[in-house]
Amino acid sequence: MPFATLMDCLGENTNYDTGEPFVFTEGHIKQLRDMFQEIYLEGNHALLHVFVCEDDERLDHTQTRKMLKGCGTFVSFPNGGHRFAELERIQDTMSHIYAALIK
């Protein structure tokens, strides 16, 4: 539930990749809450494809697994952190998912 877990990030922040400053606002929290409702409460979980890292320093992968039970794909990696290092390891799986959606 990013709208809850990111409350401590309200205000000025710095982009990790570019170093550019940005402001995270209550409006962003509302957008996340609206997306959560649309996807989690009203959406078709079979269309969700979730990839998590067990060493994520922001998100609890076990809670994510419970919340998204019945999703189309759930893959858990032992490492990669919140930034999901080595994204290329899911490239083939993502290609298969997109190919199936196009059919």
PDB file of N, CA and C in Angstrom:
ATOM      1  N   MET A   1       0.842  -1.176   0.000  1.00  0.00           N
ATOM      2  CA  MET A   1       0.000   0.000   0.000  1.00  0.00           C
ATOM      3  C   MET A   1       0.893   1.246   0.000  1.00  0.00           C
ATOM      4  N   PRO A   2       1.370   1.613  -1.175  1.00  0.00           N
ATOM      5  CA  PRO A   2       2.323   2.715  -1.260  1.00  0.00           C
ATOM      6  C   PRO A   2       1.796   4.035  -0.711  1.00  0.00           C
ATOM      7  N   PHE A   3       0.503   4.236  -0.772  1.00  0.00           N
ATOM      8  CA  PHE A   3      -0.048   5.483  -0.240  1.00  0.00           C
ATOM      9  C   PHE A   3       0.158   5.587   1.270  1.00  0.00           C
ATOM     10  N   ALA A   4       0.346   4.460   1.927  1.00  0.00           N
ATOM     11  CA  ALA A   4       0.613   4.466   3.369  1.00  0.00           C
ATOM     12  C   ALA A   4       2.114   4.433   3.650  1.00  0.00           C
ATOM     13  N   THR A   5       2.842   3.587   2.929  1.00  0.00           N
ATOM     14  CA  THR A   5       4.267   3.434   3.209  1.00  0.00           C
ATOM     15  C   THR A   5       5.103   4.626   2.776  1.00  0.00           C
ATOM     16  N   LEU A   6       4.584   5.444   1.872  1.00  0.00           N
ATOM     17  CA  LEU A   6       5.356   6.598   1.393  1.00  0.00           C
ATOM     18  C   LEU A   6       5.013   7.908   2.097  1.00  0.00           C
ATOM     19  N   MET A   7       4.187   7.840   3.112  1.00  0.00           N
ATOM     20  CA  MET A   7       3.840   9.062   3.853  1.00  0.00           C
ATOM     21  C   MET A   7       5.085   9.733   4.438  1.00  0.00           C
ATOM     22  N   ASP A   8       6.073   8.945   4.816  1.00  0.00           N
ATOM     23  CA  ASP A   8       7.281   9.536   5.394  1.00  0.00           C
ATOM     24  C   ASP A   8       8.177  10.191   4.341  1.00  0.00           C
ATOM     25  N   CYS A   9       7.779  10.112   3.075  1.00  0.00           N
ATOM     26  CA  CYS A   9       8.556  10.729   1.993  1.00  0.00           C
ATOM     27  C   CYS A   9       7.966  12.055   1.535  1.00  0.00           C
ATOM     28  N   LEU A  10       6.881  12.507   2.179  1.00  0.00           N
ATOM     29  CA  LEU A  10       6.283  13.786   1.794  1.00  0.00           C
ATOM     30  C   LEU A  10       7.303  14.909   1.933  1.00  0.00           C
ATOM     31  N   GLY A  11       7.250  15.824   0.989  1.00  0.00           N
ATOM     32  CA  GLY A  11       8.161  16.969   1.028  1.00  0.00           C
ATOM     33  C   GLY A  11       9.254  16.846  -0.009  1.00  0.00           C
ATOM     34  N   GLU A  12      10.357  17.542   0.248  1.00  0.00           N
ATOM     35  CA  GLU A  12      11.465  17.568  -0.706  1.00  0.00           C
ATOM     36  C   GLU A  12      12.255  16.272  -0.669  1.00  0.00           C
ATOM     37  N   ASN A  13      12.598  15.777  -1.857  1.00  0.00           N
ATOM     38  CA  ASN A  13      13.361  14.541  -2.034  1.00  0.00           C
ATOM     39  C   ASN A  13      14.386  14.757  -3.138  1.00  0.00           C
ATOM     40  N   THR A  14      15.236  13.770  -3.325  1.00  0.00           N
ATOM     41  CA  THR A  14      16.239  13.823  -4.385  1.00  0.00           C
ATOM     42  C   THR A  14      16.146  12.552  -5.219  1.00  0.00           C
ATOM     43  N   ASN A  15      16.113  12.718  -6.536  1.00  0.00           N
ATOM     44  CA  ASN A  15      16.095  11.584  -7.444  1.00  0.00           C
ATOM     45  C   ASN A  15      17.415  10.827  -7.294  1.00  0.00           C
ATOM     46  N   TYR A  16      17.332   9.512  -7.025  1.00  0.00           N
ATOM     47  CA  TYR A  16      18.530   8.711  -6.788  1.00  0.00           C
ATOM     48  C   TYR A  16      19.452   8.654  -8.004  1.00  0.00           C
ATOM     49  N   ASP A  17      18.875   8.654  -9.199  1.00  0.00           N
ATOM     50  CA  ASP A  17      19.688   8.516 -10.408  1.00  0.00           C
ATOM     51  C   ASP A  17      20.265   9.834 -10.905  1.00  0.00           C
ATOM     52  N   THR A  18      19.464  10.904 -10.868  1.00  0.00           N
ATOM     53  CA  THR A  18      19.899  12.164 -11.465  1.00  0.00           C
ATOM     54  C   THR A  18      20.380  13.180 -10.447  1.00  0.00           C
ATOM     55  N   GLY A  19      19.999  12.996  -9.183  1.00  0.00           N
ATOM     56  CA  GLY A  19      20.351  13.968  -8.158  1.00  0.00           C
ATOM     57  C   GLY A  19      19.454  15.193  -8.159  1.00  0.00           C
ATOM     58  N   GLU A  20      18.471  15.204  -9.059  1.00  0.00           N
ATOM     59  CA  GLU A  20      17.563  16.347  -9.145  1.00  0.00           C
ATOM     60  C   GLU A  20      16.583  16.344  -7.984  1.00  0.00           C
ATOM     61  N   PRO A  21      16.296  17.525  -7.440  1.00  0.00           N
ATOM     62  CA  PRO A  21      15.308  17.614  -6.359  1.00  0.00           C
ATOM     63  C   PRO A  21      13.885  17.521  -6.917  1.00  0.00           C
ATOM     64  N   PHE A  22      12.988  16.984  -6.118  1.00  0.00           N
ATOM     65  CA  PHE A  22      11.563  16.969  -6.464  1.00  0.00           C
ATOM     66  C   PHE A  22      10.764  16.989  -5.179  1.00  0.00           C
ATOM     67  N   VAL A  23       9.511  17.365  -5.297  1.00  0.00           N
ATOM     68  CA  VAL A  23       8.627  17.438  -4.127  1.00  0.00           C
ATOM     69  C   VAL A  23       7.560  16.355  -4.262  1.00  0.00           C
ATOM     70  N   PHE A  24       7.441  15.522  -3.237  1.00  0.00           N
ATOM     71  CA  PHE A  24       6.421  14.483  -3.170  1.00  0.00           C
ATOM     72  C   PHE A  24       5.288  15.034  -2.312  1.00  0.00           C
ATOM     73  N   THR A  25       4.067  15.114  -2.876  1.00  0.00           N
ATOM     74  CA  THR A  25       2.974  15.835  -2.234  1.00  0.00           C
ATOM     75  C   THR A  25       1.817  14.923  -1.815  1.00  0.00           C
ATOM     76  N   GLU A  26       0.889  15.512  -1.090  1.00  0.00           N
ATOM     77  CA  GLU A  26      -0.360  14.811  -0.737  1.00  0.00           C
ATOM     78  C   GLU A  26      -1.111  14.409  -2.003  1.00  0.00           C
ATOM     79  N   GLY A  27      -0.994  15.204  -3.056  1.00  0.00           N
ATOM     80  CA  GLY A  27      -1.626  14.865  -4.333  1.00  0.00           C
ATOM     81  C   GLY A  27      -1.085  13.560  -4.895  1.00  0.00           C
ATOM     82  N   HIS A  28       0.210  13.328  -4.748  1.00  0.00           N
ATOM     83  CA  HIS A  28       0.802  12.066  -5.187  1.00  0.00           C
ATOM     84  C   HIS A  28       0.263  10.899  -4.364  1.00  0.00           C
ATOM     85  N   ILE A  29       0.103  11.122  -3.066  1.00  0.00           N
ATOM     86  CA  ILE A  29      -0.457  10.091  -2.186  1.00  0.00           C
ATOM     87  C   ILE A  29      -1.876   9.743  -2.633  1.00  0.00           C
ATOM     88  N   LYS A  30      -2.665  10.763  -2.966  1.00  0.00           N
ATOM     89  CA  LYS A  30      -4.037  10.527  -3.442  1.00  0.00           C
ATOM     90  C   LYS A  30      -4.026   9.721  -4.739  1.00  0.00           C
ATOM     91  N   GLN A  31      -3.128  10.060  -5.654  1.00  0.00           N
ATOM     92  CA  GLN A  31      -3.031   9.304  -6.906  1.00  0.00           C
ATOM     93  C   GLN A  31      -2.704   7.842  -6.633  1.00  0.00           C
ATOM     94  N   LEU A  32      -1.777   7.595  -5.724  1.00  0.00           N
ATOM     95  CA  LEU A  32      -1.420   6.218  -5.377  1.00  0.00           C
ATOM     96  C   LEU A  32      -2.593   5.481  -4.736  1.00  0.00           C
ATOM     97  N   ARG A  33      -3.341   6.165  -3.879  1.00  0.00           N
ATOM     98  CA  ARG A  33      -4.510   5.563  -3.236  1.00  0.00           C
ATOM     99  C   ARG A  33      -5.565   5.210  -4.280  1.00  0.00           C
ATOM    100  N   ASP A  34      -5.780   6.114  -5.242  1.00  0.00           N
ATOM    101  CA  ASP A  34      -6.762   5.861  -6.312  1.00  0.00           C
ATOM    102  C   ASP A  34      -6.333   4.680  -7.184  1.00  0.00           C
ATOM    103  N   MET A  35      -5.035   4.622  -7.519  1.00  0.00           N
ATOM    104  CA  MET A  35      -4.539   3.500  -8.326  1.00  0.00           C
ATOM    105  C   MET A  35      -4.668   2.188  -7.561  1.00  0.00           C
ATOM    106  N   PHE A  36      -4.374   2.217  -6.265  1.00  0.00           N
ATOM    107  CA  PHE A  36      -4.490   1.025  -5.436  1.00  0.00           C
ATOM    108  C   PHE A  36      -5.925   0.511  -5.459  1.00  0.00           C
ATOM    109  N   GLN A  37      -6.883   1.412  -5.292  1.00  0.00           N
ATOM    110  CA  GLN A  37      -8.283   1.003  -5.303  1.00  0.00           C
ATOM    111  C   GLN A  37      -8.658   0.409  -6.653  1.00  0.00           C
ATOM    112  N   GLU A  38      -8.247   1.076  -7.717  1.00  0.00           N
ATOM    113  CA  GLU A  38      -8.596   0.606  -9.063  1.00  0.00           C
ATOM    114  C   GLU A  38      -7.979  -0.758  -9.359  1.00  0.00           C
ATOM    115  N   ILE A  39      -6.723  -0.942  -8.977  1.00  0.00           N
ATOM    116  CA  ILE A  39      -6.018  -2.181  -9.306  1.00  0.00           C
ATOM    117  C   ILE A  39      -6.302  -3.291  -8.296  1.00  0.00           C
ATOM    118  N   TYR A  40      -6.158  -2.977  -7.014  1.00  0.00           N
ATOM    119  CA  TYR A  40      -6.260  -4.018  -5.991  1.00  0.00           C
ATOM    120  C   TYR A  40      -7.709  -4.370  -5.648  1.00  0.00           C
ATOM    121  N   LEU A  41      -8.533  -3.368  -5.447  1.00  0.00           N
ATOM    122  CA  LEU A  41      -9.902  -3.634  -5.001  1.00  0.00           C
ATOM    123  C   LEU A  41     -10.858  -3.949  -6.149  1.00  0.00           C
ATOM    124  N   GLU A  42     -10.651  -3.297  -7.291  1.00  0.00           N
ATOM    125  CA  GLU A  42     -11.602  -3.439  -8.390  1.00  0.00           C
ATOM    126  C   GLU A  42     -11.052  -4.205  -9.584  1.00  0.00           C
ATOM    127  N   GLY A  43      -9.741  -4.388  -9.637  1.00  0.00           N
ATOM    128  CA  GLY A  43      -9.101  -4.969 -10.820  1.00  0.00           C
ATOM    129  C   GLY A  43      -9.109  -6.480 -10.850  1.00  0.00           C
ATOM    130  N   ASN A  44      -8.713  -7.000 -11.983  1.00  0.00           N
ATOM    131  CA  ASN A  44      -8.597  -8.433 -12.203  1.00  0.00           C
ATOM    132  C   ASN A  44      -7.169  -8.844 -11.851  1.00  0.00           C
ATOM    133  N   HIS A  45      -6.981  -9.530 -10.750  1.00  0.00           N
ATOM    134  CA  HIS A  45      -5.643  -9.905 -10.285  1.00  0.00           C
ATOM    135  C   HIS A  45      -4.910 -10.802 -11.276  1.00  0.00           C
ATOM    136  N   ALA A  46      -5.639 -11.514 -12.093  1.00  0.00           N
ATOM    137  CA  ALA A  46      -4.988 -12.382 -13.079  1.00  0.00           C
ATOM    138  C   ALA A  46      -4.189 -11.565 -14.087  1.00  0.00           C
ATOM    139  N   LEU A  47      -4.491 -10.285 -14.209  1.00  0.00           N
ATOM    140  CA  LEU A  47      -3.757  -9.417 -15.134  1.00  0.00           C
ATOM    141  C   LEU A  47      -2.525  -8.782 -14.493  1.00  0.00           C
ATOM    142  N   LEU A  48      -2.317  -9.014 -13.194  1.00  0.00           N
ATOM    143  CA  LEU A  48      -1.156  -8.459 -12.507  1.00  0.00           C
ATOM    144  C   LEU A  48       0.021  -9.427 -12.595  1.00  0.00           C
ATOM    145  N   HIS A  49       1.173  -8.886 -12.883  1.00  0.00           N
ATOM    146  CA  HIS A  49       2.394  -9.670 -12.964  1.00  0.00           C
ATOM    147  C   HIS A  49       3.405  -9.009 -12.042  1.00  0.00           C
ATOM    148  N   VAL A  50       3.744  -9.693 -10.965  1.00  0.00           N
ATOM    149  CA  VAL A  50       4.507  -9.097  -9.874  1.00  0.00           C
ATOM    150  C   VAL A  50       5.878  -9.750  -9.753  1.00  0.00           C
ATOM    151  N   PHE A  51       6.900  -8.912  -9.654  1.00  0.00           N
ATOM    152  CA  PHE A  51       8.273  -9.361  -9.462  1.00  0.00           C
ATOM    153  C   PHE A  51       8.812  -8.600  -8.261  1.00  0.00           C
ATOM    154  N   VAL A  52       9.261  -9.324  -7.241  1.00  0.00           N
ATOM    155  CA  VAL A  52       9.753  -8.682  -6.022  1.00  0.00           C
ATOM    156  C   VAL A  52      11.118  -9.242  -5.638  1.00  0.00           C
ATOM    157  N   CYS A  53      11.813  -8.480  -4.832  1.00  0.00           N
ATOM    158  CA  CYS A  53      13.091  -8.927  -4.273  1.00  0.00           C
ATOM    159  C   CYS A  53      12.916  -9.069  -2.764  1.00  0.00           C
ATOM    160  N   GLU A  54      13.344 -10.180  -2.236  1.00  0.00           N
ATOM    161  CA  GLU A  54      13.156 -10.468  -0.819  1.00  0.00           C
ATOM    162  C   GLU A  54      13.969  -9.549   0.095  1.00  0.00           C
ATOM    163  N   ASP A  55      15.022  -8.948  -0.437  1.00  0.00           N
ATOM    164  CA  ASP A  55      15.829  -8.036   0.375  1.00  0.00           C
ATOM    165  C   ASP A  55      15.430  -6.570   0.166  1.00  0.00           C
ATOM    166  N   ASP A  56      14.227  -6.346  -0.360  1.00  0.00           N
ATOM    167  CA  ASP A  56      13.721  -4.983  -0.568  1.00  0.00           C
ATOM    168  C   ASP A  56      13.687  -4.257   0.770  1.00  0.00           C
ATOM    169  N   GLU A  57      14.333  -3.107   0.821  1.00  0.00           N
ATOM    170  CA  GLU A  57      14.411  -2.347   2.067  1.00  0.00           C
ATOM    171  C   GLU A  57      13.177  -1.486   2.322  1.00  0.00           C
ATOM    172  N   ARG A  58      12.237  -1.407   1.359  1.00  0.00           N
ATOM    173  CA  ARG A  58      11.016  -0.616   1.523  1.00  0.00           C
ATOM    174  C   ARG A  58       9.760  -1.475   1.658  1.00  0.00           C
ATOM    175  N   LEU A  59       9.721  -2.573   0.921  1.00  0.00           N
ATOM    176  CA  LEU A  59       8.493  -3.370   0.839  1.00  0.00           C
ATOM    177  C   LEU A  59       8.705  -4.775   1.405  1.00  0.00           C
ATOM    178  N   ASP A  60       7.693  -5.266   2.070  1.00  0.00           N
ATOM    179  CA  ASP A  60       7.715  -6.624   2.618  1.00  0.00           C
ATOM    180  C   ASP A  60       7.146  -7.571   1.559  1.00  0.00           C
ATOM    181  N   HIS A  61       8.008  -8.378   0.958  1.00  0.00           N
ATOM    182  CA  HIS A  61       7.560  -9.257  -0.119  1.00  0.00           C
ATOM    183  C   HIS A  61       6.518 -10.273   0.341  1.00  0.00           C
ATOM    184  N   THR A  62       6.551 -10.674   1.615  1.00  0.00           N
ATOM    185  CA  THR A  62       5.555 -11.637   2.100  1.00  0.00           C
ATOM    186  C   THR A  62       4.167 -10.999   2.164  1.00  0.00           C
ATOM    187  N   GLN A  63       4.107  -9.739   2.542  1.00  0.00           N
ATOM    188  CA  GLN A  63       2.826  -9.027   2.557  1.00  0.00           C
ATOM    189  C   GLN A  63       2.305  -8.835   1.132  1.00  0.00           C
ATOM    190  N   THR A  64       3.214  -8.512   0.227  1.00  0.00           N
ATOM    191  CA  THR A  64       2.823  -8.347  -1.175  1.00  0.00           C
ATOM    192  C   THR A  64       2.245  -9.638  -1.713  1.00  0.00           C
ATOM    193  N   ARG A  65       2.878 -10.754  -1.408  1.00  0.00           N
ATOM    194  CA  ARG A  65       2.382 -12.063  -1.881  1.00  0.00           C
ATOM    195  C   ARG A  65       0.965 -12.329  -1.354  1.00  0.00           C
ATOM    196  N   LYS A  66       0.730 -12.044  -0.081  1.00  0.00           N
ATOM    197  CA  LYS A  66      -0.597 -12.263   0.506  1.00  0.00           C
ATOM    198  C   LYS A  66      -1.646 -11.366  -0.148  1.00  0.00           C
ATOM    199  N   MET A  67      -1.285 -10.100  -0.348  1.00  0.00           N
ATOM    200  CA  MET A  67      -2.240  -9.142  -0.906  1.00  0.00           C
ATOM    201  C   MET A  67      -2.591  -9.452  -2.350  1.00  0.00           C
ATOM    202  N   LEU A  68      -1.634  -9.986  -3.091  1.00  0.00           N
ATOM    203  CA  LEU A  68      -1.847 -10.202  -4.517  1.00  0.00           C
ATOM    204  C   LEU A  68      -2.021 -11.673  -4.866  1.00  0.00           C
ATOM    205  N   LYS A  69      -2.580 -12.399  -3.936  1.00  0.00           N
ATOM    206  CA  LYS A  69      -2.868 -13.818  -4.169  1.00  0.00           C
ATOM    207  C   LYS A  69      -3.756 -13.935  -5.410  1.00  0.00           C
ATOM    208  N   GLY A  70      -3.400 -14.844  -6.271  1.00  0.00           N
ATOM    209  CA  GLY A  70      -4.186 -15.048  -7.483  1.00  0.00           C
ATOM    210  C   GLY A  70      -3.737 -14.189  -8.647  1.00  0.00           C
ATOM    211  N   CYS A  71      -2.612 -13.487  -8.490  1.00  0.00           N
ATOM    212  CA  CYS A  71      -2.147 -12.662  -9.604  1.00  0.00           C
ATOM    213  C   CYS A  71      -1.610 -13.570 -10.711  1.00  0.00           C
ATOM    214  N   GLY A  72      -1.505 -13.015 -11.904  1.00  0.00           N
ATOM    215  CA  GLY A  72      -1.080 -13.789 -13.064  1.00  0.00           C
ATOM    216  C   GLY A  72       0.307 -14.370 -12.914  1.00  0.00           C
ATOM    217  N   THR A  73       1.221 -13.602 -12.364  1.00  0.00           N
ATOM    218  CA  THR A  73       2.602 -14.037 -12.158  1.00  0.00           C
ATOM    219  C   THR A  73       3.086 -13.452 -10.841  1.00  0.00           C
ATOM    220  N   PHE A  74       3.744 -14.256 -10.044  1.00  0.00           N
ATOM    221  CA  PHE A  74       4.414 -13.745  -8.852  1.00  0.00           C
ATOM    222  C   PHE A  74       5.767 -14.423  -8.773  1.00  0.00           C
ATOM    223  N   VAL A  75       6.817 -13.630  -8.967  1.00  0.00           N
ATOM    224  CA  VAL A  75       8.179 -14.161  -8.919  1.00  0.00           C
ATOM    225  C   VAL A  75       8.938 -13.397  -7.851  1.00  0.00           C
ATOM    226  N   SER A  76       9.600 -14.144  -6.996  1.00  0.00           N
ATOM    227  CA  SER A  76      10.363 -13.571  -5.895  1.00  0.00           C
ATOM    228  C   SER A  76      11.836 -13.944  -6.061  1.00  0.00           C
ATOM    229  N   PHE A  77      12.705 -12.937  -5.968  1.00  0.00           N
ATOM    230  CA  PHE A  77      14.149 -13.137  -6.065  1.00  0.00           C
ATOM    231  C   PHE A  77      14.770 -12.888  -4.698  1.00  0.00           C
ATOM    232  N   PRO A  78      15.815 -13.615  -4.332  1.00  0.00           N
ATOM    233  CA  PRO A  78      16.420 -13.418  -3.020  1.00  0.00           C
ATOM    234  C   PRO A  78      17.095 -12.054  -2.867  1.00  0.00           C
ATOM    235  N   ASN A  79      17.569 -11.482  -3.976  1.00  0.00           N
ATOM    236  CA  ASN A  79      18.236 -10.186  -3.850  1.00  0.00           C
ATOM    237  C   ASN A  79      17.940  -9.284  -5.045  1.00  0.00           C
ATOM    238  N   GLY A  80      18.246  -8.026  -4.872  1.00  0.00           N
ATOM    239  CA  GLY A  80      17.995  -7.027  -5.900  1.00  0.00           C
ATOM    240  C   GLY A  80      17.552  -5.714  -5.291  1.00  0.00           C
ATOM    241  N   GLY A  81      17.103  -5.773  -4.033  1.00  0.00           N
ATOM    242  CA  GLY A  81      16.706  -4.559  -3.332  1.00  0.00           C
ATOM    243  C   GLY A  81      15.477  -3.890  -3.908  1.00  0.00           C
ATOM    244  N   HIS A  82      15.174  -2.725  -3.374  1.00  0.00           N
ATOM    245  CA  HIS A  82      13.984  -1.992  -3.812  1.00  0.00           C
ATOM    246  C   HIS A  82      14.118  -1.509  -5.256  1.00  0.00           C
ATOM    247  N   ARG A  83      15.331  -1.227  -5.673  1.00  0.00           N
ATOM    248  CA  ARG A  83      15.561  -0.730  -7.028  1.00  0.00           C
ATOM    249  C   ARG A  83      15.598  -1.856  -8.049  1.00  0.00           C
ATOM    250  N   PHE A  84      15.428  -3.086  -7.622  1.00  0.00           N
ATOM    251  CA  PHE A  84      15.367  -4.278  -8.472  1.00  0.00           C
ATOM    252  C   PHE A  84      16.573  -4.345  -9.406  1.00  0.00           C
ATOM    253  N   ALA A  85      17.740  -4.493  -8.811  1.00  0.00           N
ATOM    254  CA  ALA A  85      18.969  -4.629  -9.582  1.00  0.00           C
ATOM    255  C   ALA A  85      18.868  -5.830 -10.526  1.00  0.00           C
ATOM    256  N   GLU A  86      19.530  -5.735 -11.620  1.00  0.00           N
ATOM    257  CA  GLU A  86      19.566  -6.813 -12.619  1.00  0.00           C
ATOM    258  C   GLU A  86      18.178  -7.097 -13.203  1.00  0.00           C
ATOM    259  N   LEU A  87      17.534  -6.041 -13.611  1.00  0.00           N
ATOM    260  CA  LEU A  87      16.191  -6.152 -14.185  1.00  0.00           C
ATOM    261  C   LEU A  87      16.144  -7.109 -15.376  1.00  0.00           C
ATOM    262  N   GLU A  88      17.264  -7.269 -16.057  1.00  0.00           N
ATOM    263  CA  GLU A  88      17.293  -8.129 -17.252  1.00  0.00           C
ATOM    264  C   GLU A  88      16.948  -9.585 -16.930  1.00  0.00           C
ATOM    265  N   ARG A  89      17.022  -9.986 -15.663  1.00  0.00           N
ATOM    266  CA  ARG A  89      16.705 -11.379 -15.333  1.00  0.00           C
ATOM    267  C   ARG A  89      15.236 -11.724 -15.517  1.00  0.00           C
ATOM    268  N   ILE A  90      14.378 -10.729 -15.653  1.00  0.00           N
ATOM    269  CA  ILE A  90      12.958 -11.015 -15.903  1.00  0.00           C
ATOM    270  C   ILE A  90      12.559 -10.695 -17.340  1.00  0.00           C
ATOM    271  N   GLN A  91      13.523 -10.334 -18.157  1.00  0.00           N
ATOM    272  CA  GLN A  91      13.248  -9.924 -19.526  1.00  0.00           C
ATOM    273  C   GLN A  91      12.483 -10.986 -20.322  1.00  0.00           C
ATOM    274  N   ASP A  92      12.906 -12.247 -20.258  1.00  0.00           N
ATOM    275  CA  ASP A  92      12.222 -13.303 -21.003  1.00  0.00           C
ATOM    276  C   ASP A  92      10.786 -13.497 -20.513  1.00  0.00           C
ATOM    277  N   THR A  93      10.601 -13.516 -19.205  1.00  0.00           N
ATOM    278  CA  THR A  93       9.254 -13.677 -18.638  1.00  0.00           C
ATOM    279  C   THR A  93       8.358 -12.532 -19.074  1.00  0.00           C
ATOM    280  N   MET A  94       8.879 -11.302 -19.028  1.00  0.00           N
ATOM    281  CA  MET A  94       8.088 -10.145 -19.443  1.00  0.00           C
ATOM    282  C   MET A  94       7.742 -10.223 -20.929  1.00  0.00           C
ATOM    283  N   SER A  95       8.660 -10.683 -21.747  1.00  0.00           N
ATOM    284  CA  SER A  95       8.393 -10.824 -23.185  1.00  0.00           C
ATOM    285  C   SER A  95       7.253 -11.806 -23.429  1.00  0.00           C
ATOM    286  N   HIS A  96       7.237 -12.923 -22.685  1.00  0.00           N
ATOM    287  CA  HIS A  96       6.164 -13.925 -22.824  1.00  0.00           C
ATOM    288  C   HIS A  96       4.815 -13.333 -22.382  1.00  0.00           C
ATOM    289  N   ILE A  97       4.834 -12.567 -21.290  1.00  0.00           N
ATOM    290  CA  ILE A  97       3.596 -11.955 -20.803  1.00  0.00           C
ATOM    291  C   ILE A  97       3.032 -10.996 -21.845  1.00  0.00           C
ATOM    292  N   TYR A  98       3.878 -10.123 -22.371  1.00  0.00           N
ATOM    293  CA  TYR A  98       3.418  -9.167 -23.381  1.00  0.00           C
ATOM    294  C   TYR A  98       2.971  -9.846 -24.660  1.00  0.00           C
ATOM    295  N   ALA A  99       3.685 -10.892 -25.072  1.00  0.00           N
ATOM    296  CA  ALA A  99       3.289 -11.620 -26.265  1.00  0.00           C
ATOM    297  C   ALA A  99       1.900 -12.227 -26.097  1.00  0.00           C
ATOM    298  N   ALA A 100       1.618 -12.752 -24.908  1.00  0.00           N
ATOM    299  CA  ALA A 100       0.296 -13.337 -24.643  1.00  0.00           C
ATOM    300  C   ALA A 100      -0.789 -12.261 -24.649  1.00  0.00           C
ATOM    301  N   LEU A 101      -0.470 -11.058 -24.184  1.00  0.00           N
ATOM    302  CA  LEU A 101      -1.448  -9.978 -24.170  1.00  0.00           C
ATOM    303  C   LEU A 101      -1.799  -9.503 -25.576  1.00  0.00           C
ATOM    304  N   ILE A 102      -0.847  -9.572 -26.467  1.00  0.00           N
ATOM    305  CA  ILE A 102      -1.062  -9.096 -27.843  1.00  0.00           C
ATOM    306  C   ILE A 102      -1.983 -10.027 -28.609  1.00  0.00           C
ATOM    307  N   LYS A 103      -1.953 -11.319 -28.276  1.00  0.00           N
ATOM    308  CA  LYS A 103      -2.787 -12.308 -28.995  1.00  0.00           C
ATOM    309  C   LYS A 103      -4.242 -12.024 -28.864  1.00  0.00           C
TER     310      LYS A 103
END
